Amino acid sequence: MRDPREVDEYHCHTEYRINSIRSVTRHLARAGFSEVELRMWDLPRMYEPYLPDRLTGLATGWSRTAYRLHSPHLMGHLTFKAVLDRPARPICE
């Protein structure tokens, strides 16, 4: 793991609130989006700097397994394109 003093210089706390396929789809539907195209993907080299040296290959192994199993929910990144057919409503009511 990285030295906490080093990480504090650039790291901001991240709160994961809607980071699943089901949750993103539900939030977009409530906000008025009629269509959503989701893509899950992985990029092991983004995770490797955070792992101890002896576990560096774990990220690559995990990613290969996720792709081999065709299991997008195991991948670390979610991107989407959404179509809005009507005026948007606030997501948080």
Protein backbone atom coordinates (compact mmCIF):
# COMPACT_ATOMS: atom_id res chain seq x y z
CA MET A 1 0.00 0.00 0.00
CA ARG A 2 1.09 3.57 -0.48
CA ASP A 3 2.39 5.82 2.27
CA PRO A 4 -0.68 7.66 3.70
CA ARG A 5 1.19 10.99 3.73
CA GLU A 6 1.89 10.61 0.03
CA VAL A 7 -1.73 9.75 -0.76
CA ASP A 8 -3.12 12.68 1.28
CA GLU A 9 -1.46 15.10 -1.14
CA TYR A 10 -3.73 14.15 -4.05
CA HIS A 11 -6.49 11.86 -2.79
CA CYS A 12 -10.06 12.97 -2.16
CA HIS A 13 -12.51 10.74 -0.35
CA THR A 14 -14.84 8.99 -2.79
CA GLU A 15 -18.34 7.91 -1.88
CA TYR A 16 -19.84 5.23 -4.05
CA ARG A 17 -23.56 5.79 -4.19
CA ILE A 18 -24.85 4.40 -7.50
CA ASN A 19 -22.07 2.19 -8.78
CA SER A 20 -24.01 -0.88 -9.85
CA ILE A 21 -25.76 -1.58 -13.15
CA ARG A 22 -29.12 -1.92 -11.41
CA SER A 23 -28.73 1.25 -9.36
CA VAL A 24 -27.55 3.41 -12.29
CA THR A 25 -30.41 2.16 -14.46
CA ARG A 26 -32.96 2.86 -11.72
CA HIS A 27 -31.64 6.39 -11.03
CA LEU A 28 -31.61 7.26 -14.72
CA ALA A 29 -35.18 6.01 -15.19
CA ARG A 30 -36.40 8.10 -12.24
CA ALA A 31 -34.65 11.13 -13.70
CA GLY A 32 -36.52 10.73 -17.00
CA PHE A 33 -34.03 8.88 -19.19
CA SER A 34 -35.77 6.39 -21.47
CA GLU A 35 -32.73 4.49 -22.75
CA VAL A 36 -29.37 3.67 -21.28
CA GLU A 37 -26.39 1.89 -22.79
CA LEU A 38 -24.05 0.58 -20.11
CA ARG A 39 -20.49 -0.59 -20.54
CA MET A 40 -18.43 -2.21 -17.82
CA TRP A 41 -14.69 -2.44 -18.33
CA ASP A 42 -11.49 -3.00 -16.44
CA LEU A 43 -7.95 -1.62 -16.57
CA PRO A 44 -5.67 -3.49 -14.14
CA ARG A 45 -2.76 -1.07 -14.39
CA MET A 46 -4.94 1.54 -12.63
CA TYR A 47 -5.18 -0.69 -9.54
CA GLU A 48 -1.69 -2.16 -9.42
CA PRO A 49 0.02 0.88 -7.82
CA TYR A 50 -2.24 0.42 -4.79
CA LEU A 51 -1.32 -3.22 -4.25
CA PRO A 52 1.75 -4.51 -2.42
CA ASP A 53 4.45 -5.79 -4.81
CA ARG A 54 3.67 -9.44 -4.10
CA LEU A 55 0.01 -8.90 -5.15
CA THR A 56 0.59 -6.78 -8.27
CA GLY A 57 -0.45 -9.61 -10.60
CA LEU A 58 -3.75 -10.01 -8.75
CA ALA A 59 -5.37 -7.11 -10.64
CA THR A 60 -4.44 -8.60 -14.00
CA GLY A 61 -5.61 -12.06 -12.96
CA TRP A 62 -8.91 -10.68 -11.67
CA SER A 63 -9.49 -8.74 -14.88
CA ARG A 64 -8.74 -11.73 -17.11
CA THR A 65 -11.12 -13.86 -15.07
CA ALA A 66 -13.92 -11.27 -15.28
CA TYR A 67 -13.59 -11.10 -19.07
CA ARG A 68 -13.26 -14.89 -19.45
CA LEU A 69 -16.42 -15.42 -17.39
CA HIS A 70 -18.28 -12.64 -19.25
CA SER A 71 -19.08 -11.10 -15.85
CA PRO A 72 -19.22 -7.32 -16.23
CA HIS A 73 -20.30 -6.86 -12.61
CA LEU A 74 -16.78 -7.98 -11.58
CA MET A 75 -15.13 -5.15 -13.54
CA GLY A 76 -14.05 -1.92 -11.93
CA HIS A 77 -15.41 0.78 -14.27
CA LEU A 78 -18.91 1.59 -15.42
CA THR A 79 -19.63 4.07 -18.21
CA PHE A 80 -22.96 4.80 -19.85
CA LYS A 81 -24.80 6.78 -22.50
CA ALA A 82 -28.35 7.79 -21.63
CA VAL A 83 -31.21 9.22 -23.75
CA LEU A 84 -33.54 11.79 -22.22
CA ASP A 85 -37.02 11.86 -23.78
CA ARG A 86 -38.66 14.24 -21.33
CA PRO A 87 -37.56 17.05 -19.02
CA ALA A 88 -35.39 15.73 -16.22
CA ARG A 89 -36.70 15.46 -12.69
CA PRO A 90 -34.33 15.78 -9.75
CA ILE A 91 -32.85 12.41 -8.78
CA CYS A 92 -33.01 13.20 -5.07
CA GLU A 93 -36.49 14.16 -3.96
